[in-house]
Amino acid sequence: GLQPSMAEGDRIEALRKIDDAVRKNVQDNTNLLGYLGGPRRGE
């Protein structure tokens, strides 16, 4: 969904935020599954 016309600095910052969101999602999945008594998996 990133615009091809984005400046390089903006693209790098956007990619960094996406990586942070992915890591947070992995952690959220791990915690939620652990809380529910399932295997603690990020994906």
PDB file of all heavy atoms in Angstrom:
ATOM      1  N   GLY A   1       0.793  -1.228   0.000  1.00  0.00           N
ATOM      2  CA  GLY A   1       0.000   0.000   0.000  1.00  0.00           C
ATOM      3  C   GLY A   1       0.821   1.270   0.000  1.00  0.00           C
ATOM      4  O   GLY A   1       0.265   2.371  -0.112  1.00  0.00           O
ATOM      5  N   LEU A   2       2.144   1.158   0.092  1.00  0.00           N
ATOM      6  CA  LEU A   2       2.986   2.351   0.063  1.00  0.00           C
ATOM      7  C   LEU A   2       3.001   2.966  -1.333  1.00  0.00           C
ATOM      8  O   LEU A   2       3.033   2.259  -2.340  1.00  0.00           O
ATOM      9  CB  LEU A   2       4.411   2.003   0.491  1.00  0.00           C
ATOM     10  CG  LEU A   2       4.597   1.504   1.942  1.00  0.00           C
ATOM     11  CD1 LEU A   2       6.061   1.150   2.182  1.00  0.00           C
ATOM     12  CD2 LEU A   2       4.126   2.553   2.927  1.00  0.00           C
ATOM     13  N   GLN A   3       2.962   4.261  -1.399  1.00  0.00           N
ATOM     14  CA  GLN A   3       2.970   4.966  -2.680  1.00  0.00           C
ATOM     15  C   GLN A   3       4.366   4.907  -3.301  1.00  0.00           C
ATOM     16  O   GLN A   3       5.366   5.188  -2.634  1.00  0.00           O
ATOM     17  CB  GLN A   3       2.568   6.433  -2.475  1.00  0.00           C
ATOM     18  CG  GLN A   3       1.135   6.623  -1.978  1.00  0.00           C
ATOM     19  CD  GLN A   3       0.112   6.159  -2.988  1.00  0.00           C
ATOM     20  OE1 GLN A   3       0.328   6.290  -4.208  1.00  0.00           O
ATOM     21  NE2 GLN A   3      -0.991   5.592  -2.497  1.00  0.00           N
ATOM     22  N   PRO A   4       4.453   4.559  -4.595  1.00  0.00           N
ATOM     23  CA  PRO A   4       5.774   4.501  -5.267  1.00  0.00           C
ATOM     24  C   PRO A   4       6.491   5.841  -5.275  1.00  0.00           C
ATOM     25  O   PRO A   4       7.724   5.906  -5.337  1.00  0.00           O
ATOM     26  CB  PRO A   4       5.426   4.039  -6.681  1.00  0.00           C
ATOM     27  CG  PRO A   4       4.097   3.360  -6.539  1.00  0.00           C
ATOM     28  CD  PRO A   4       3.372   4.099  -5.482  1.00  0.00           C
ATOM     29  N   SER A   5       5.692   6.917  -5.208  1.00  0.00           N
ATOM     30  CA  SER A   5       6.286   8.251  -5.313  1.00  0.00           C
ATOM     31  C   SER A   5       6.808   8.790  -3.984  1.00  0.00           C
ATOM     32  O   SER A   5       7.243   9.942  -3.914  1.00  0.00           O
ATOM     33  CB  SER A   5       5.246   9.221  -5.876  1.00  0.00           C
ATOM     34  OG  SER A   5       4.089   9.264  -5.038  1.00  0.00           O
ATOM     35  N   MET A   6       6.746   7.980  -2.945  1.00  0.00           N
ATOM     36  CA  MET A   6       7.210   8.455  -1.630  1.00  0.00           C
ATOM     37  C   MET A   6       8.694   8.769  -1.655  1.00  0.00           C
ATOM     38  O   MET A   6       9.474   8.094  -2.334  1.00  0.00           O
ATOM     39  CB  MET A   6       6.948   7.391  -0.551  1.00  0.00           C
ATOM     40  CG  MET A   6       5.485   7.186  -0.197  1.00  0.00           C
ATOM     41  SD  MET A   6       5.301   5.909   1.071  1.00  0.00           S
ATOM     42  CE  MET A   6       6.098   6.709   2.464  1.00  0.00           C
ATOM     43  N   ALA A   7       9.073   9.800  -0.899  1.00  0.00           N
ATOM     44  CA  ALA A   7      10.486  10.123  -0.760  1.00  0.00           C
ATOM     45  C   ALA A   7      11.176   8.983  -0.022  1.00  0.00           C
ATOM     46  O   ALA A   7      10.566   8.269   0.782  1.00  0.00           O
ATOM     47  CB  ALA A   7      10.650  11.429   0.013  1.00  0.00           C
ATOM     48  N   GLU A   8      12.468   8.827  -0.293  1.00  0.00           N
ATOM     49  CA  GLU A   8      13.199   7.702   0.269  1.00  0.00           C
ATOM     50  C   GLU A   8      13.177   7.715   1.790  1.00  0.00           C
ATOM     51  O   GLU A   8      12.995   6.676   2.438  1.00  0.00           O
ATOM     52  CB  GLU A   8      14.646   7.726  -0.224  1.00  0.00           C
ATOM     53  CG  GLU A   8      15.479   6.519   0.207  1.00  0.00           C
ATOM     54  CD  GLU A   8      14.948   5.212  -0.355  1.00  0.00           C
ATOM     55  OE1 GLU A   8      14.231   5.242  -1.379  1.00  0.00           O
ATOM     56  OE2 GLU A   8      15.237   4.156   0.239  1.00  0.00           O
ATOM     57  N   GLY A   9      13.334   8.896   2.383  1.00  0.00           N
ATOM     58  CA  GLY A   9      13.323   8.993   3.848  1.00  0.00           C
ATOM     59  C   GLY A   9      11.967   8.611   4.429  1.00  0.00           C
ATOM     60  O   GLY A   9      11.890   7.909   5.448  1.00  0.00           O
ATOM     61  N   ASP A  10      10.895   9.062   3.743  1.00  0.00           N
ATOM     62  CA  ASP A  10       9.557   8.723   4.210  1.00  0.00           C
ATOM     63  C   ASP A  10       9.298   7.227   4.074  1.00  0.00           C
ATOM     64  O   ASP A  10       8.646   6.616   4.929  1.00  0.00           O
ATOM     65  CB  ASP A  10       8.504   9.499   3.416  1.00  0.00           C
ATOM     66  CG  ASP A  10       8.558  10.994   3.713  1.00  0.00           C
ATOM     67  OD1 ASP A  10       9.101  11.369   4.771  1.00  0.00           O
ATOM     68  OD2 ASP A  10       8.063  11.787   2.878  1.00  0.00           O
ATOM     69  N   ARG A  11       9.808   6.634   2.967  1.00  0.00           N
ATOM     70  CA  ARG A  11       9.608   5.196   2.760  1.00  0.00           C
ATOM     71  C   ARG A  11      10.314   4.389   3.869  1.00  0.00           C
ATOM     72  O   ARG A  11       9.773   3.414   4.380  1.00  0.00           O
ATOM     73  CB  ARG A  11      10.128   4.791   1.384  1.00  0.00           C
ATOM     74  CG  ARG A  11      10.051   3.269   1.107  1.00  0.00           C
ATOM     75  CD  ARG A  11      10.501   2.964  -0.308  1.00  0.00           C
ATOM     76  NE  ARG A  11       9.528   3.453  -1.267  1.00  0.00           N
ATOM     77  CZ  ARG A  11       8.431   2.782  -1.635  1.00  0.00           C
ATOM     78  NH1 ARG A  11       8.199   1.572  -1.113  1.00  0.00           N
ATOM     79  NH2 ARG A  11       7.588   3.290  -2.499  1.00  0.00           N
ATOM     80  N   ILE A  12      11.520   4.788   4.175  1.00  0.00           N
ATOM     81  CA  ILE A  12      12.271   4.083   5.221  1.00  0.00           C
ATOM     82  C   ILE A  12      11.530   4.155   6.553  1.00  0.00           C
ATOM     83  O   ILE A  12      11.411   3.156   7.279  1.00  0.00           O
ATOM     84  CB  ILE A  12      13.685   4.675   5.345  1.00  0.00           C
ATOM     85  CG1 ILE A  12      14.497   4.370   4.075  1.00  0.00           C
ATOM     86  CG2 ILE A  12      14.389   4.134   6.589  1.00  0.00           C
ATOM     87  CD1 ILE A  12      15.844   5.052   4.043  1.00  0.00           C
ATOM     88  N   GLU A  13      10.985   5.354   6.877  1.00  0.00           N
ATOM     89  CA  GLU A  13      10.243   5.522   8.139  1.00  0.00           C
ATOM     90  C   GLU A  13       8.959   4.693   8.119  1.00  0.00           C
ATOM     91  O   GLU A  13       8.601   4.060   9.119  1.00  0.00           O
ATOM     92  CB  GLU A  13       9.905   6.994   8.356  1.00  0.00           C
ATOM     93  CG  GLU A  13       9.106   7.292   9.625  1.00  0.00           C
ATOM     94  CD  GLU A  13       9.832   6.917  10.903  1.00  0.00           C
ATOM     95  OE1 GLU A  13      11.071   6.792  10.880  1.00  0.00           O
ATOM     96  OE2 GLU A  13       9.158   6.751  11.936  1.00  0.00           O
ATOM     97  N   ALA A  14       8.280   4.675   6.964  1.00  0.00           N
ATOM     98  CA  ALA A  14       7.049   3.889   6.857  1.00  0.00           C
ATOM     99  C   ALA A  14       7.336   2.400   7.003  1.00  0.00           C
ATOM    100  O   ALA A  14       6.594   1.670   7.677  1.00  0.00           O
ATOM    101  CB  ALA A  14       6.365   4.169   5.515  1.00  0.00           C
ATOM    102  N   LEU A  15       8.429   1.939   6.385  1.00  0.00           N
ATOM    103  CA  LEU A  15       8.791   0.524   6.503  1.00  0.00           C
ATOM    104  C   LEU A  15       9.158   0.171   7.942  1.00  0.00           C
ATOM    105  O   LEU A  15       8.857  -0.937   8.415  1.00  0.00           O
ATOM    106  CB  LEU A  15       9.956   0.207   5.563  1.00  0.00           C
ATOM    107  CG  LEU A  15       9.619   0.214   4.061  1.00  0.00           C
ATOM    108  CD1 LEU A  15      10.872   0.081   3.219  1.00  0.00           C
ATOM    109  CD2 LEU A  15       8.634  -0.912   3.722  1.00  0.00           C
ATOM    110  N   ARG A  16       9.799   1.095   8.621  1.00  0.00           N
ATOM    111  CA  ARG A  16      10.157   0.854  10.014  1.00  0.00           C
ATOM    112  C   ARG A  16       8.887   0.682  10.856  1.00  0.00           C
ATOM    113  O   ARG A  16       8.796  -0.218  11.717  1.00  0.00           O
ATOM    114  CB  ARG A  16      10.987   2.007  10.564  1.00  0.00           C
ATOM    115  CG  ARG A  16      11.489   1.777  12.004  1.00  0.00           C
ATOM    116  CD  ARG A  16      12.115   3.034  12.576  1.00  0.00           C
ATOM    117  NE  ARG A  16      11.143   4.107  12.720  1.00  0.00           N
ATOM    118  CZ  ARG A  16      10.251   4.170  13.714  1.00  0.00           C
ATOM    119  NH1 ARG A  16      10.216   3.205  14.632  1.00  0.00           N
ATOM    120  NH2 ARG A  16       9.406   5.169  13.778  1.00  0.00           N
ATOM    121  N   LYS A  17       7.871   1.534  10.622  1.00  0.00           N
ATOM    122  CA  LYS A  17       6.615   1.442  11.368  1.00  0.00           C
ATOM    123  C   LYS A  17       5.885   0.142  11.057  1.00  0.00           C
ATOM    124  O   LYS A  17       5.281  -0.477  11.955  1.00  0.00           O
ATOM    125  CB  LYS A  17       5.718   2.639  11.044  1.00  0.00           C
ATOM    126  CG  LYS A  17       6.232   3.960  11.604  1.00  0.00           C
ATOM    127  CD  LYS A  17       5.276   5.099  11.284  1.00  0.00           C
ATOM    128  CE  LYS A  17       5.773   6.418  11.883  1.00  0.00           C
ATOM    129  NZ  LYS A  17       4.857   7.544  11.577  1.00  0.00           N
ATOM    130  N   ILE A  18       5.977  -0.283   9.785  1.00  0.00           N
ATOM    131  CA  ILE A  18       5.335  -1.558   9.419  1.00  0.00           C
ATOM    132  C   ILE A  18       6.012  -2.714  10.134  1.00  0.00           C
ATOM    133  O   ILE A  18       5.350  -3.612  10.666  1.00  0.00           O
ATOM    134  CB  ILE A  18       5.372  -1.766   7.891  1.00  0.00           C
ATOM    135  CG1 ILE A  18       4.464  -0.740   7.201  1.00  0.00           C
ATOM    136  CG2 ILE A  18       4.965  -3.187   7.525  1.00  0.00           C
ATOM    137  CD1 ILE A  18       4.566  -0.751   5.696  1.00  0.00           C
ATOM    138  N   ASP A  19       7.353  -2.693  10.187  1.00  0.00           N
ATOM    139  CA  ASP A  19       8.079  -3.757  10.886  1.00  0.00           C
ATOM    140  C   ASP A  19       7.736  -3.764  12.376  1.00  0.00           C
ATOM    141  O   ASP A  19       7.606  -4.843  12.982  1.00  0.00           O
ATOM    142  CB  ASP A  19       9.583  -3.572  10.694  1.00  0.00           C
ATOM    143  CG  ASP A  19      10.023  -3.854   9.261  1.00  0.00           C
ATOM    144  OD1 ASP A  19       9.269  -4.530   8.534  1.00  0.00           O
ATOM    145  OD2 ASP A  19      11.114  -3.382   8.882  1.00  0.00           O
ATOM    146  N   ASP A  20       7.604  -2.568  12.947  1.00  0.00           N
ATOM    147  CA  ASP A  20       7.210  -2.482  14.371  1.00  0.00           C
ATOM    148  C   ASP A  20       5.817  -3.072  14.579  1.00  0.00           C
ATOM    149  O   ASP A  20       5.574  -3.789  15.564  1.00  0.00           O
ATOM    150  CB  ASP A  20       7.220  -1.024  14.840  1.00  0.00           C
ATOM    151  CG  ASP A  20       8.635  -0.465  14.965  1.00  0.00           C
ATOM    152  OD1 ASP A  20       9.595  -1.259  14.990  1.00  0.00           O
ATOM    153  OD2 ASP A  20       8.768   0.783  15.030  1.00  0.00           O
ATOM    154  N   ALA A  21       4.883  -2.766  13.653  1.00  0.00           N
ATOM    155  CA  ALA A  21       3.517  -3.289  13.764  1.00  0.00           C
ATOM    156  C   ALA A  21       3.505  -4.805  13.639  1.00  0.00           C
ATOM    157  O   ALA A  21       2.753  -5.498  14.341  1.00  0.00           O
ATOM    158  CB  ALA A  21       2.614  -2.651  12.704  1.00  0.00           C
ATOM    159  N   VAL A  22       4.328  -5.337  12.758  1.00  0.00           N
ATOM    160  CA  VAL A  22       4.400  -6.790  12.575  1.00  0.00           C
ATOM    161  C   VAL A  22       4.938  -7.436  13.845  1.00  0.00           C
ATOM    162  O   VAL A  22       4.415  -8.472  14.307  1.00  0.00           O
ATOM    163  CB  VAL A  22       5.276  -7.142  11.363  1.00  0.00           C
ATOM    164  CG1 VAL A  22       5.562  -8.645  11.327  1.00  0.00           C
ATOM    165  CG2 VAL A  22       4.601  -6.698  10.067  1.00  0.00           C
ATOM    166  N   ARG A  23       5.996  -6.860  14.406  1.00  0.00           N
ATOM    167  CA  ARG A  23       6.558  -7.415  15.633  1.00  0.00           C
ATOM    168  C   ARG A  23       5.539  -7.363  16.778  1.00  0.00           C
ATOM    169  O   ARG A  23       5.413  -8.313  17.561  1.00  0.00           O
ATOM    170  CB  ARG A  23       7.828  -6.657  16.019  1.00  0.00           C
ATOM    171  CG  ARG A  23       9.049  -7.070  15.227  1.00  0.00           C
ATOM    172  CD  ARG A  23      10.312  -6.503  15.841  1.00  0.00           C
ATOM    173  NE  ARG A  23      10.363  -5.058  15.730  1.00  0.00           N
ATOM    174  CZ  ARG A  23      10.882  -4.399  14.681  1.00  0.00           C
ATOM    175  NH1 ARG A  23      11.405  -5.084  13.665  1.00  0.00           N
ATOM    176  NH2 ARG A  23      10.902  -3.096  14.651  1.00  0.00           N
ATOM    177  N   LYS A  24       4.816  -6.244  16.858  1.00  0.00           N
ATOM    178  CA  LYS A  24       3.783  -6.127  17.897  1.00  0.00           C
ATOM    179  C   LYS A  24       2.686  -7.164  17.689  1.00  0.00           C
ATOM    180  O   LYS A  24       2.194  -7.778  18.640  1.00  0.00           O
ATOM    181  CB  LYS A  24       3.170  -4.730  17.908  1.00  0.00           C
ATOM    182  CG  LYS A  24       2.135  -4.529  19.017  1.00  0.00           C
ATOM    183  CD  LYS A  24       1.561  -3.127  19.001  1.00  0.00           C
ATOM    184  CE  LYS A  24       0.602  -2.902  20.177  1.00  0.00           C
ATOM    185  NZ  LYS A  24      -0.496  -3.878  20.231  1.00  0.00           N
ATOM    186  N   ASN A  25       2.293  -7.396  16.438  1.00  0.00           N
ATOM    187  CA  ASN A  25       1.257  -8.379  16.153  1.00  0.00           C
ATOM    188  C   ASN A  25       1.721  -9.780  16.556  1.00  0.00           C
ATOM    189  O   ASN A  25       0.954 -10.567  17.119  1.00  0.00           O
ATOM    190  CB  ASN A  25       0.902  -8.350  14.668  1.00  0.00           C
ATOM    191  CG  ASN A  25      -0.166  -9.357  14.316  1.00  0.00           C
ATOM    192  OD1 ASN A  25      -1.301  -9.274  14.782  1.00  0.00           O
ATOM    193  ND2 ASN A  25       0.197 -10.334  13.495  1.00  0.00           N
ATOM    194  N   VAL A  26       2.979 -10.088  16.272  1.00  0.00           N
ATOM    195  CA  VAL A  26       3.527 -11.390  16.660  1.00  0.00           C
ATOM    196  C   VAL A  26       3.477 -11.546  18.189  1.00  0.00           C
ATOM    197  O   VAL A  26       3.102 -12.605  18.703  1.00  0.00           O
ATOM    198  CB  VAL A  26       4.975 -11.538  16.143  1.00  0.00           C
ATOM    199  CG1 VAL A  26       5.660 -12.733  16.784  1.00  0.00           C
ATOM    200  CG2 VAL A  26       4.978 -11.674  14.620  1.00  0.00           C
ATOM    201  N   GLN A  27       3.852 -10.484  18.887  1.00  0.00           N
ATOM    202  CA  GLN A  27       3.828 -10.544  20.343  1.00  0.00           C
ATOM    203  C   GLN A  27       2.401 -10.655  20.873  1.00  0.00           C
ATOM    204  O   GLN A  27       2.126 -11.408  21.822  1.00  0.00           O
ATOM    205  CB  GLN A  27       4.502  -9.301  20.940  1.00  0.00           C
ATOM    206  CG  GLN A  27       4.723  -9.368  22.446  1.00  0.00           C
ATOM    207  CD  GLN A  27       5.624 -10.522  22.839  1.00  0.00           C
ATOM    208  OE1 GLN A  27       6.733 -10.668  22.323  1.00  0.00           O
ATOM    209  NE2 GLN A  27       5.158 -11.366  23.756  1.00  0.00           N
ATOM    210  N   ASP A  28       1.470  -9.908  20.258  1.00  0.00           N
ATOM    211  CA  ASP A  28       0.065  -9.975  20.677  1.00  0.00           C
ATOM    212  C   ASP A  28      -0.492 -11.377  20.482  1.00  0.00           C
ATOM    213  O   ASP A  28      -1.213 -11.904  21.351  1.00  0.00           O
ATOM    214  CB  ASP A  28      -0.782  -8.975  19.884  1.00  0.00           C
ATOM    215  CG  ASP A  28      -0.546  -7.532  20.318  1.00  0.00           C
ATOM    216  OD1 ASP A  28       0.048  -7.327  21.395  1.00  0.00           O
ATOM    217  OD2 ASP A  28      -0.967  -6.618  19.583  1.00  0.00           O
ATOM    218  N   ASN A  29      -0.193 -12.003  19.336  1.00  0.00           N
ATOM    219  CA  ASN A  29      -0.653 -13.373  19.088  1.00  0.00           C
ATOM    220  C   ASN A  29      -0.088 -14.339  20.130  1.00  0.00           C
ATOM    221  O   ASN A  29      -0.792 -15.201  20.655  1.00  0.00           O
ATOM    222  CB  ASN A  29      -0.234 -13.831  17.684  1.00  0.00           C
ATOM    223  CG  ASN A  29      -1.037 -13.157  16.589  1.00  0.00           C
ATOM    224  OD1 ASN A  29      -2.149 -12.680  16.820  1.00  0.00           O
ATOM    225  ND2 ASN A  29      -0.469 -13.108  15.389  1.00  0.00           N
ATOM    226  N   THR A  30       1.209 -14.183  20.399  1.00  0.00           N
ATOM    227  CA  THR A  30       1.871 -15.058  21.359  1.00  0.00           C
ATOM    228  C   THR A  30       1.231 -14.943  22.741  1.00  0.00           C
ATOM    229  O   THR A  30       0.934 -15.951  23.408  1.00  0.00           O
ATOM    230  CB  THR A  30       3.370 -14.724  21.444  1.00  0.00           C
ATOM    231  OG1 THR A  30       3.961 -14.853  20.150  1.00  0.00           O
ATOM    232  CG2 THR A  30       4.073 -15.640  22.421  1.00  0.00           C
ATOM    233  N   ASN A  31       1.004 -13.689  23.187  1.00  0.00           N
ATOM    234  CA  ASN A  31       0.410 -13.469  24.505  1.00  0.00           C
ATOM    235  C   ASN A  31      -1.032 -13.961  24.569  1.00  0.00           C
ATOM    236  O   ASN A  31      -1.436 -14.597  25.550  1.00  0.00           O
ATOM    237  CB  ASN A  31       0.467 -11.981  24.859  1.00  0.00           C
ATOM    238  CG  ASN A  31       1.866 -11.520  25.214  1.00  0.00           C
ATOM    239  OD1 ASN A  31       2.667 -12.291  25.737  1.00  0.00           O
ATOM    240  ND2 ASN A  31       2.186 -10.270  24.917  1.00  0.00           N
ATOM    241  N   LEU A  32      -1.819 -13.651  23.527  1.00  0.00           N
ATOM    242  CA  LEU A  32      -3.227 -14.028  23.542  1.00  0.00           C
ATOM    243  C   LEU A  32      -3.390 -15.549  23.538  1.00  0.00           C
ATOM    244  O   LEU A  32      -4.207 -16.098  24.289  1.00  0.00           O
ATOM    245  CB  LEU A  32      -3.942 -13.400  22.348  1.00  0.00           C
ATOM    246  CG  LEU A  32      -5.451 -13.655  22.241  1.00  0.00           C
ATOM    247  CD1 LEU A  32      -6.162 -13.264  23.533  1.00  0.00           C
ATOM    248  CD2 LEU A  32      -6.040 -12.900  21.052  1.00  0.00           C
ATOM    249  N   LEU A  33      -2.615 -16.225  22.700  1.00  0.00           N
ATOM    250  CA  LEU A  33      -2.697 -17.689  22.668  1.00  0.00           C
ATOM    251  C   LEU A  33      -2.256 -18.292  24.008  1.00  0.00           C
ATOM    252  O   LEU A  33      -2.848 -19.256  24.497  1.00  0.00           O
ATOM    253  CB  LEU A  33      -1.838 -18.237  21.533  1.00  0.00           C
ATOM    254  CG  LEU A  33      -2.446 -18.106  20.123  1.00  0.00           C
ATOM    255  CD1 LEU A  33      -1.396 -18.386  19.061  1.00  0.00           C
ATOM    256  CD2 LEU A  33      -3.627 -19.046  19.968  1.00  0.00           C
ATOM    257  N   GLY A  34      -1.224 -17.720  24.608  1.00  0.00           N
ATOM    258  CA  GLY A  34      -0.795 -18.201  25.913  1.00  0.00           C
ATOM    259  C   GLY A  34      -1.874 -18.010  26.965  1.00  0.00           C
ATOM    260  O   GLY A  34      -2.127 -18.895  27.787  1.00  0.00           O
ATOM    261  N   TYR A  35      -2.517 -16.851  26.929  1.00  0.00           N
ATOM    262  CA  TYR A  35      -3.591 -16.572  27.885  1.00  0.00           C
ATOM    263  C   TYR A  35      -4.749 -17.550  27.710  1.00  0.00           C
ATOM    264  O   TYR A  35      -5.359 -17.996  28.691  1.00  0.00           O
ATOM    265  CB  TYR A  35      -4.077 -15.132  27.685  1.00  0.00           C
ATOM    266  CG  TYR A  35      -5.326 -14.794  28.445  1.00  0.00           C
ATOM    267  CD1 TYR A  35      -5.278 -14.467  29.797  1.00  0.00           C
ATOM    268  CD2 TYR A  35      -6.574 -14.819  27.814  1.00  0.00           C
ATOM    269  CE1 TYR A  35      -6.441 -14.166  30.498  1.00  0.00           C
ATOM    270  CE2 TYR A  35      -7.730 -14.520  28.508  1.00  0.00           C
ATOM    271  CZ  TYR A  35      -7.663 -14.195  29.851  1.00  0.00           C
ATOM    272  OH  TYR A  35      -8.816 -13.904  30.539  1.00  0.00           O
ATOM    273  N   LEU A  36      -5.067 -17.903  26.449  1.00  0.00           N
ATOM    274  CA  LEU A  36      -6.188 -18.791  26.153  1.00  0.00           C
ATOM    275  C   LEU A  36      -5.841 -20.266  26.340  1.00  0.00           C
ATOM    276  O   LEU A  36      -6.686 -21.137  26.138  1.00  0.00           O
ATOM    277  CB  LEU A  36      -6.685 -18.561  24.723  1.00  0.00           C
ATOM    278  CG  LEU A  36      -7.273 -17.171  24.450  1.00  0.00           C
ATOM    279  CD1 LEU A  36      -7.537 -16.990  22.955  1.00  0.00           C
ATOM    280  CD2 LEU A  36      -8.565 -16.966  25.237  1.00  0.00           C
ATOM    281  N   GLY A  37      -4.596 -20.547  26.697  1.00  0.00           N
ATOM    282  CA  GLY A  37      -4.191 -21.919  26.944  1.00  0.00           C
ATOM    283  C   GLY A  37      -3.710 -22.659  25.713  1.00  0.00           C
ATOM    284  O   GLY A  37      -3.573 -23.886  25.731  1.00  0.00           O
ATOM    285  N   GLY A  38      -3.419 -21.937  24.630  1.00  0.00           N
ATOM    286  CA  GLY A  38      -2.935 -22.550  23.406  1.00  0.00           C
ATOM    287  C   GLY A  38      -1.422 -22.447  23.287  1.00  0.00           C
ATOM    288  O   GLY A  38      -0.752 -21.886  24.166  1.00  0.00           O
ATOM    289  N   PRO A  39      -0.869 -22.949  22.194  1.00  0.00           N
ATOM    290  CA  PRO A  39       0.577 -22.829  21.965  1.00  0.00           C
ATOM    291  C   PRO A  39       0.950 -21.377  21.690  1.00  0.00           C
ATOM    292  O   PRO A  39       0.288 -20.695  20.903  1.00  0.00           O
ATOM    293  CB  PRO A  39       0.814 -23.707  20.731  1.00  0.00           C
ATOM    294  CG  PRO A  39      -0.506 -23.743  20.035  1.00  0.00           C
ATOM    295  CD  PRO A  39      -1.554 -23.679  21.093  1.00  0.00           C
ATOM    296  N   ARG A  40       2.004 -20.910  22.310  1.00  0.00           N
ATOM    297  CA  ARG A  40       2.390 -19.502  22.174  1.00  0.00           C
ATOM    298  C   ARG A  40       3.161 -19.314  20.867  1.00  0.00           C
ATOM    299  O   ARG A  40       4.378 -19.362  20.831  1.00  0.00           O
ATOM    300  CB  ARG A  40       3.195 -19.063  23.390  1.00  0.00           C
ATOM    301  CG  ARG A  40       2.434 -19.251  24.694  1.00  0.00           C
ATOM    302  CD  ARG A  40       3.172 -18.693  25.898  1.00  0.00           C
ATOM    303  NE  ARG A  40       3.259 -17.239  25.859  1.00  0.00           N
ATOM    304  CZ  ARG A  40       3.410 -16.464  26.928  1.00  0.00           C
ATOM    305  NH1 ARG A  40       3.466 -17.016  28.132  1.00  0.00           N
ATOM    306  NH2 ARG A  40       3.514 -15.162  26.814  1.00  0.00           N
ATOM    307  N   ARG A  41       2.383 -19.057  19.794  1.00  0.00           N
ATOM    308  CA  ARG A  41       2.975 -18.863  18.470  1.00  0.00           C
ATOM    309  C   ARG A  41       2.662 -17.467  17.964  1.00  0.00           C
ATOM    310  O   ARG A  41       1.547 -16.974  18.110  1.00  0.00           O
ATOM    311  CB  ARG A  41       2.428 -19.899  17.481  1.00  0.00           C
ATOM    312  CG  ARG A  41       2.853 -21.331  17.792  1.00  0.00           C
ATOM    313  CD  ARG A  41       2.653 -22.214  16.552  1.00  0.00           C
ATOM    314  NE  ARG A  41       1.240 -22.322  16.233  1.00  0.00           N
ATOM    315  CZ  ARG A  41       0.492 -23.398  16.526  1.00  0.00           C
ATOM    316  NH1 ARG A  41       1.052 -24.424  17.171  1.00  0.00           N
ATOM    317  NH2 ARG A  41      -0.768 -23.446  16.187  1.00  0.00           N
ATOM    318  N   GLY A  42       3.646 -16.869  17.325  1.00  0.00           N
ATOM    319  CA  GLY A  42       3.455 -15.527  16.780  1.00  0.00           C
ATOM    320  C   GLY A  42       2.680 -15.519  15.480  1.00  0.00           C
ATOM    321  O   GLY A  42       1.986 -14.536  15.169  1.00  0.00           O
ATOM    322  N   GLU A  43       2.767 -16.609  14.690  1.00  0.00           N
ATOM    323  CA  GLU A  43       2.015 -16.718  13.439  1.00  0.00           C
ATOM    324  C   GLU A  43       1.216 -18.023  13.477  1.00  0.00           C
ATOM    325  O   GLU A  43       1.624 -19.044  12.911  1.00  0.00           O
ATOM    326  CB  GLU A  43       2.954 -16.689  12.234  1.00  0.00           C
ATOM    327  CG  GLU A  43       3.642 -15.349  12.044  1.00  0.00           C
ATOM    328  CD  GLU A  43       4.411 -15.289  10.733  1.00  0.00           C
ATOM    329  OE1 GLU A  43       4.319 -16.249   9.932  1.00  0.00           O
ATOM    330  OE2 GLU A  43       5.093 -14.280  10.509  1.00  0.00           O
TER     331      GLU A  43
END
